[in-house]
Protein backbone atom coordinates (compact mmCIF):
# COMPACT_ATOMS: atom_id res chain seq x y z
CA UNK A 1 -60.05 38.44 -16.56
CA UNK A 2 -58.04 35.57 -18.07
CA UNK A 3 -58.70 35.97 -21.80
CA UNK A 4 -57.36 32.63 -22.97
CA UNK A 5 -58.65 30.08 -25.42
CA UNK A 6 -58.70 26.63 -23.86
CA UNK A 7 -59.92 24.74 -26.96
CA UNK A 8 -56.46 23.55 -27.96
CA UNK A 9 -55.67 22.31 -24.47
CA UNK A 10 -55.06 18.60 -24.00
CA UNK A 11 -55.32 17.30 -20.45
CA UNK A 12 -52.17 15.52 -19.29
CA UNK A 13 -53.06 13.39 -16.30
CA UNK A 14 -49.45 12.43 -15.64
CA UNK A 15 -48.05 14.03 -12.50
CA UNK A 16 -44.52 12.72 -12.98
CA UNK A 17 -42.49 14.56 -15.60
CA UNK A 18 -38.86 14.56 -16.60
CA UNK A 19 -37.16 17.88 -16.03
CA UNK A 20 -36.21 19.49 -19.32
CA UNK A 21 -32.46 20.31 -19.39
CA UNK A 22 -32.08 23.97 -18.48
CA UNK A 23 -29.74 25.98 -20.68
CA UNK A 24 -30.89 29.50 -19.94
CA UNK A 25 -29.55 32.00 -17.44
CA UNK A 26 -32.78 32.81 -15.63
CA UNK A 27 -35.63 30.84 -14.08
CA UNK A 28 -38.87 32.57 -13.14
CA UNK A 29 -40.58 30.43 -10.51
CA UNK A 30 -44.31 30.67 -9.79
CA UNK A 31 -45.57 28.51 -6.91
CA UNK A 32 -49.34 28.23 -7.13
CA UNK A 33 -52.45 26.78 -5.53
CA UNK A 34 -56.05 27.13 -6.79
CA UNK A 35 -55.41 30.31 -8.79
CA UNK A 36 -57.12 29.40 -12.08
CA UNK A 37 -58.83 32.79 -12.27
CA UNK A 38 -55.62 34.80 -11.73
CA UNK A 39 -52.57 32.83 -12.85
CA UNK A 40 -53.32 33.49 -16.52
CA UNK A 41 -52.55 37.19 -16.13
CA UNK A 42 -49.47 36.33 -14.07
CA UNK A 43 -48.07 33.94 -16.69
CA UNK A 44 -48.96 36.34 -19.50
CA UNK A 45 -46.79 39.02 -17.86
CA UNK A 46 -43.85 36.57 -17.91
CA UNK A 47 -44.10 34.98 -21.37
CA UNK A 48 -44.42 38.42 -22.99
CA UNK A 49 -41.27 39.83 -21.37
CA UNK A 50 -38.81 41.35 -23.83
CA UNK A 51 -36.16 39.09 -22.24
CA UNK A 52 -37.12 35.85 -24.01
CA UNK A 53 -34.46 33.35 -22.94
CA UNK A 54 -35.94 32.31 -19.64
CA UNK A 55 -37.21 29.13 -18.03
CA UNK A 56 -40.59 29.34 -16.34
CA UNK A 57 -41.37 26.91 -13.52
CA UNK A 58 -44.96 26.62 -12.31
CA UNK A 59 -45.08 24.48 -9.16
CA UNK A 60 -48.70 23.51 -8.46
CA UNK A 61 -49.38 22.56 -4.84
CA UNK A 62 -52.05 20.02 -5.81
CA UNK A 63 -54.74 22.48 -6.95
CA UNK A 64 -58.32 21.25 -7.16
CA UNK A 65 -59.48 23.88 -9.65
CA UNK A 66 -58.51 24.42 -13.33
CA UNK A 67 -55.08 25.90 -12.63
CA UNK A 68 -53.39 23.14 -14.65
CA UNK A 69 -55.72 23.74 -17.58
CA UNK A 70 -54.97 27.46 -17.66
CA UNK A 71 -51.19 26.96 -17.42
CA UNK A 72 -51.05 24.36 -20.22
CA UNK A 73 -53.25 26.46 -22.50
CA UNK A 74 -50.26 28.77 -23.06
CA UNK A 75 -48.49 26.10 -25.11
CA UNK A 76 -45.11 27.73 -24.47
CA UNK A 77 -42.09 25.41 -24.45
CA UNK A 78 -40.37 27.54 -21.82
CA UNK A 79 -43.05 26.68 -19.25
CA UNK A 80 -42.45 23.58 -17.12
CA UNK A 81 -45.47 22.60 -15.07
CA UNK A 82 -45.15 20.35 -12.00
CA UNK A 83 -48.09 19.27 -9.87
CA UNK A 84 -47.38 17.92 -6.40
CA UNK A 85 -49.06 14.62 -5.57
CA UNK A 86 -50.24 16.19 -2.32
CA UNK A 87 -50.34 19.69 -0.88
CA UNK A 88 -46.96 20.40 0.72
CA UNK A 89 -47.94 23.72 2.29
CA UNK A 90 -46.20 26.96 1.31
CA UNK A 91 -42.82 25.96 2.85
CA UNK A 92 -42.79 22.62 1.02
CA UNK A 93 -43.75 24.20 -2.29
CA UNK A 94 -41.07 26.86 -1.80
CA UNK A 95 -38.50 24.10 -1.33
CA UNK A 96 -39.62 22.60 -4.66
CA UNK A 97 -38.88 25.94 -6.31
CA UNK A 98 -35.37 26.02 -4.90
CA UNK A 99 -34.74 22.39 -5.88
CA UNK A 100 -36.02 22.56 -9.47
CA UNK A 101 -34.42 25.87 -10.50
CA UNK A 102 -30.97 25.10 -11.98
CA UNK A 103 -30.02 28.41 -13.57
CA UNK A 104 -27.66 31.17 -12.46
CA UNK A 105 -30.56 33.37 -11.36
CA UNK A 106 -33.89 32.53 -9.73
CA UNK A 107 -36.68 35.13 -9.80
CA UNK A 108 -39.89 34.63 -7.84
CA UNK A 109 -43.36 35.75 -8.86
CA UNK A 110 -46.52 35.06 -6.83
CA UNK A 111 -49.37 33.44 -8.73
CA UNK A 112 -51.59 36.51 -8.39
CA UNK A 113 -49.02 39.24 -9.14
CA UNK A 114 -47.60 40.61 -12.40
CA UNK A 115 -44.33 41.73 -13.96
CA UNK A 116 -44.16 45.04 -15.79
CA UNK A 117 -42.44 44.97 -19.16
CA UNK A 118 -38.66 44.93 -18.73
CA UNK A 119 -38.76 43.46 -15.22
CA UNK A 120 -36.67 40.35 -15.94
CA UNK A 121 -33.93 41.98 -18.00
CA UNK A 122 -33.53 44.87 -15.53
CA UNK A 123 -33.28 42.58 -12.52
CA UNK A 124 -30.66 40.48 -14.30
CA UNK A 125 -28.68 43.54 -15.41
CA UNK A 126 -28.62 44.90 -11.85
CA UNK A 127 -27.24 41.61 -10.52
CA UNK A 128 -24.72 41.26 -13.36
CA UNK A 129 -23.36 44.72 -12.62
CA UNK A 130 -23.05 43.95 -8.90
CA UNK A 131 -21.38 40.52 -8.64
CA UNK A 132 -21.03 40.76 -4.84
CA UNK A 133 -24.81 40.87 -4.46
CA UNK A 134 -26.50 37.54 -3.82
CA UNK A 135 -30.08 38.82 -3.45
CA UNK A 136 -31.90 41.68 -5.18
CA UNK A 137 -35.34 43.25 -4.99
CA UNK A 138 -37.07 45.94 -7.03
CA UNK A 139 -39.66 48.50 -6.01
CA UNK A 140 -43.29 47.57 -6.61
CA UNK A 141 -46.83 48.87 -6.49
CA UNK A 142 -50.08 47.43 -5.17
CA UNK A 143 -53.44 47.21 -6.93
CA UNK A 144 -56.96 46.19 -5.92
CA UNK A 145 -58.49 46.25 -9.40
CA UNK A 146 -58.67 43.83 -12.32
CA UNK A 147 -57.09 46.41 -14.65
CA UNK A 148 -53.88 46.23 -12.58
CA UNK A 149 -53.71 50.04 -12.30
CA UNK A 150 -51.63 51.31 -9.33
CA UNK A 151 -53.53 52.03 -6.12
CA UNK A 152 -50.66 52.20 -3.64
CA UNK A 153 -46.99 52.87 -4.29
CA UNK A 154 -44.59 52.40 -1.37
CA UNK A 155 -41.05 53.29 -2.42
CA UNK A 156 -38.36 52.74 0.16
CA UNK A 157 -35.76 54.77 -1.73
CA UNK A 158 -35.29 56.83 -4.88
CA UNK A 159 -31.80 55.45 -5.39
CA UNK A 160 -30.15 52.04 -5.55
CA UNK A 161 -29.25 50.73 -2.10
CA UNK A 162 -26.58 48.08 -1.42
CA UNK A 163 -26.39 46.53 2.02
CA UNK A 164 -23.15 44.74 2.87
CA UNK A 165 -23.43 41.10 3.87
CA UNK A 166 -23.80 40.04 7.46
CA UNK A 167 -25.56 41.79 10.33
CA UNK A 168 -26.10 45.05 8.45
CA UNK A 169 -27.85 43.42 5.50
CA UNK A 170 -29.97 41.22 7.76
CA UNK A 171 -30.91 44.19 9.93
CA UNK A 172 -31.97 46.55 7.12
CA UNK A 173 -33.01 44.36 4.16
CA UNK A 174 -36.64 44.00 5.25
CA UNK A 175 -36.87 47.80 5.17
CA UNK A 176 -36.26 47.47 1.43
CA UNK A 177 -38.92 44.85 0.61
CA UNK A 178 -36.85 41.68 1.07
CA UNK A 179 -39.96 39.99 2.48
CA UNK A 180 -42.03 40.80 -0.63
CA UNK A 181 -42.02 37.57 -2.65
CA UNK A 182 -42.61 38.86 -6.18
CA UNK A 183 -39.63 40.40 -7.96
CA UNK A 184 -37.14 38.80 -5.59
CA UNK A 185 -34.01 37.65 -7.48
CA UNK A 186 -31.42 35.24 -6.08
CA UNK A 187 -27.98 34.44 -7.48
CA UNK A 188 -28.44 30.68 -7.16
CA UNK A 189 -25.49 29.28 -9.16
CA UNK A 190 -25.93 25.70 -8.03
CA UNK A 191 -26.44 26.54 -4.35
CA UNK A 192 -28.50 24.09 -2.32
CA UNK A 193 -30.99 26.28 -0.50
CA UNK A 194 -32.94 24.65 2.31
CA UNK A 195 -36.27 25.74 3.79
CA UNK A 196 -35.88 25.01 7.50
CA UNK A 197 -38.90 26.73 9.06
CA UNK A 198 -42.53 25.71 8.60
CA UNK A 199 -43.79 29.24 9.27
CA UNK A 200 -45.46 31.04 6.37
CA UNK A 201 -43.18 34.06 6.68
CA UNK A 202 -40.04 32.52 8.17
CA UNK A 203 -39.90 29.77 5.54
CA UNK A 204 -38.88 32.43 3.00
CA UNK A 205 -36.99 34.90 5.21
CA UNK A 206 -34.75 32.38 6.98
CA UNK A 207 -33.00 30.98 3.84
CA UNK A 208 -32.56 34.55 2.58
CA UNK A 209 -30.87 35.57 5.83
CA UNK A 210 -28.56 32.57 5.46
CA UNK A 211 -27.61 33.78 1.97
CA UNK A 212 -26.99 37.30 3.29
CA UNK A 213 -24.22 35.88 5.45
CA UNK A 214 -22.20 35.28 2.27
CA UNK A 215 -23.37 37.97 -0.14
CA UNK A 216 -24.74 41.54 -0.31
CA UNK A 217 -28.32 42.72 -0.83
CA UNK A 218 -29.32 45.24 -3.51
CA UNK A 219 -32.53 47.28 -3.70
CA UNK A 220 -33.38 48.60 -7.18
CA UNK A 221 -35.74 51.61 -7.00
CA UNK A 222 -37.51 51.21 -10.35
CA UNK A 223 -41.05 49.80 -10.07
CA UNK A 224 -41.02 46.44 -11.88
CA UNK A 225 -43.77 44.44 -10.16
CA UNK A 226 -47.47 44.81 -9.42
CA UNK A 227 -48.75 43.15 -6.23
CA UNK A 228 -52.43 42.19 -6.17
CA UNK A 229 -53.86 43.08 -2.76
CA UNK A 230 -56.91 40.88 -2.56
CA UNK A 231 -55.04 38.17 -0.62
CA UNK A 232 -51.72 39.50 0.59
CA UNK A 233 -50.08 36.55 2.38
CA UNK A 234 -47.81 38.70 4.52
CA UNK A 235 -50.85 40.23 6.24
CA UNK A 236 -53.65 37.67 5.95
CA UNK A 237 -51.79 35.14 8.12
CA UNK A 238 -51.58 37.52 11.08
CA UNK A 239 -54.93 36.90 12.69
CA UNK A 240 -53.59 35.00 15.70
CA UNK A 241 -49.94 36.08 15.52
CA UNK A 242 -48.05 39.25 14.60
CA UNK A 243 -45.46 40.39 12.10
CA UNK A 244 -42.96 41.18 14.87
CA UNK A 245 -43.57 37.90 16.69
CA UNK A 246 -42.64 35.99 13.52
CA UNK A 247 -39.51 38.01 12.76
CA UNK A 248 -37.87 38.59 16.14
CA UNK A 249 -36.80 34.95 16.63
CA UNK A 250 -34.88 34.94 13.34
CA UNK A 251 -33.37 38.34 14.12
CA UNK A 252 -32.12 36.77 17.38
CA UNK A 253 -30.77 33.82 15.43
CA UNK A 254 -28.86 35.69 12.74
CA UNK A 255 -27.79 39.09 14.10
CA UNK A 256 -24.73 38.50 16.29
CA UNK A 257 -23.89 42.12 17.17
CA UNK A 258 -25.97 42.94 20.27
CA UNK A 259 -26.10 46.69 19.57
CA UNK A 260 -27.31 46.13 16.00
CA UNK A 261 -29.85 43.59 17.25
CA UNK A 262 -31.31 46.00 19.83
CA UNK A 263 -31.48 48.89 17.32
CA UNK A 264 -33.11 46.60 14.77
CA UNK A 265 -35.84 45.49 17.17
CA UNK A 266 -36.56 49.01 18.40
CA UNK A 267 -36.70 50.34 14.86
CA UNK A 268 -38.94 47.52 13.73
CA UNK A 269 -41.42 47.98 16.58
CA UNK A 270 -41.73 51.70 15.83
CA UNK A 271 -42.12 51.01 12.10
CA UNK A 272 -44.76 48.35 12.75
CA UNK A 273 -47.12 51.11 13.89
CA UNK A 274 -47.08 52.53 10.35
CA UNK A 275 -47.99 49.06 9.11
CA UNK A 276 -51.36 49.11 10.88
CA UNK A 277 -53.04 50.54 7.78
CA UNK A 278 -51.63 47.70 5.66
CA UNK A 279 -52.74 45.05 8.16
CA UNK A 280 -56.22 46.57 8.14
CA UNK A 281 -56.37 46.79 4.34
CA UNK A 282 -55.06 43.30 3.55
CA UNK A 283 -55.88 41.47 6.78
CA UNK A 284 -58.25 42.28 9.65
CA UNK A 285 -58.61 43.85 13.11
CA UNK A 286 -57.30 40.75 14.87
CA UNK A 287 -53.88 41.27 13.26
CA UNK A 288 -53.73 44.81 14.67
CA UNK A 289 -54.61 43.58 18.17
CA UNK A 290 -51.93 40.86 18.02
CA UNK A 291 -49.30 43.33 16.83
CA UNK A 292 -50.26 45.73 19.62
CA UNK A 293 -49.89 43.00 22.24
CA UNK A 294 -46.42 42.14 20.99
CA UNK A 295 -45.35 45.80 20.99
CA UNK A 296 -46.55 46.06 24.59
CA UNK A 297 -44.56 42.96 25.60
CA UNK A 298 -41.33 44.31 24.09
CA UNK A 299 -41.45 48.11 24.36
CA UNK A 300 -44.64 49.47 25.92
CA UNK A 301 -43.39 53.07 25.52
CA UNK A 302 -44.22 52.85 21.82
CA UNK A 303 -47.89 52.58 22.80
CA UNK A 304 -47.71 56.01 24.45
CA UNK A 305 -46.61 57.89 21.33
CA UNK A 306 -49.12 60.11 19.46
CA UNK A 307 -48.37 58.19 16.26
CA UNK A 308 -49.42 54.86 17.76
CA UNK A 309 -52.60 56.29 19.28
CA UNK A 310 -53.58 57.91 15.96
CA UNK A 311 -52.87 54.86 13.77
CA UNK A 312 -54.47 52.44 16.22
CA UNK A 313 -57.73 54.40 16.46
CA UNK A 314 -57.97 55.11 12.72
CA UNK A 315 -57.16 51.55 11.67
CA UNK A 316 -59.80 50.11 14.00
CA UNK A 317 -62.61 52.60 13.41
CA UNK A 318 -62.38 53.72 9.78
CA UNK A 319 -63.75 51.73 6.82
CA UNK A 320 -61.16 50.26 4.47
CA UNK A 321 -62.08 52.65 1.65
CA UNK A 322 -61.30 55.63 3.92
CA UNK A 323 -57.97 54.13 5.02
CA UNK A 324 -57.10 53.52 1.37
CA UNK A 325 -57.88 57.17 0.60
CA UNK A 326 -55.63 58.34 3.46
CA UNK A 327 -52.77 56.13 2.21
CA UNK A 328 -53.19 57.55 -1.29
CA UNK A 329 -52.94 61.09 0.07
CA UNK A 330 -49.80 60.26 2.08
CA UNK A 331 -48.20 58.59 -0.93
CA UNK A 332 -49.10 61.45 -3.25
CA UNK A 333 -47.45 63.92 -0.89
CA UNK A 334 -44.29 61.83 -0.51
CA UNK A 335 -43.97 60.37 -4.02
CA UNK A 336 -44.46 63.21 -6.47
CA UNK A 337 -41.60 61.98 -8.68
CA UNK A 338 -43.43 58.76 -9.57
CA UNK A 339 -45.09 58.84 -12.99
CA UNK A 340 -48.10 56.53 -12.82
CA UNK A 341 -48.66 56.83 -16.59
CA UNK A 342 -45.24 55.30 -17.17
CA UNK A 343 -46.21 52.34 -14.97
CA UNK A 344 -49.52 51.90 -16.81
CA UNK A 345 -47.71 51.88 -20.16
CA UNK A 346 -45.55 48.96 -18.97
CA UNK A 347 -48.46 46.76 -17.85
CA UNK A 348 -48.64 43.74 -20.13
CA UNK A 349 -52.20 43.12 -21.31
CA UNK A 350 -53.76 39.74 -22.15
């Protein structure tokens, strides 16, 4: 899939590199590990953005494949490549992203996802127009194919949503894709952002919740990012844990209003039932069992609802291709305003 010529590439064995002085307004940060077969398409979608004045940080978590070779084959001066001397895990590599980005804005992109054309400039414009917002996130779509054509589109809203800082933003922001890594924009402006948790999910969410204590969150409804679903981190890790089990401790930590905290947990448990199809598509049955156990421990009445019974049975018994078909039908019914041809026209080809 990565249509790149590697003949001009010169191997640089030096791990240590001086950081090039950053003069631009935006840094796109791509943490990566062993993604030689996919990161080419990811980088291509960044370097060909119509917003040219950007810095691109690729933080390699000590890959053992040809990731470095693919990255350096681009020969683009805006790309700064750093390879860790040892694998720091996702939390450690995330900290490197926060430390090395020195611009006003930091935008994240996973090493297997893509930007649509116009993604960077639109994210920046949204933040510029809303100076009270410290974090922003766009809508996205998911794809299972090498052509990057939309398979699943989950839109949380058809209009721009701003959540005021504090308990309200922390309570509702995950409903608007805050936890989705790609297309997440942060108004960094010299802030020292620390990754405190070693959990795969909490390591990202916790520093974002800290930021939402001092600034607002904005959800931009235009689809700007494509998420590749072959290895969706947010679901693959839940084989011996659950989504709720990871999130509830940080809800307890950051939401001070007891009424908001209770409503948030109840709402999240009920919504997690709808997530069974996603866990089944991107993860496995064990994730569904773990989520069910946690729902039982916190609000067993949810298990008695017709919705839970239906989703639980279907997600366990049906093949993935059938579940994918059902999701497509649901999305078609609820998302008739979305023009898939427009999305396809914005996909940046190699």
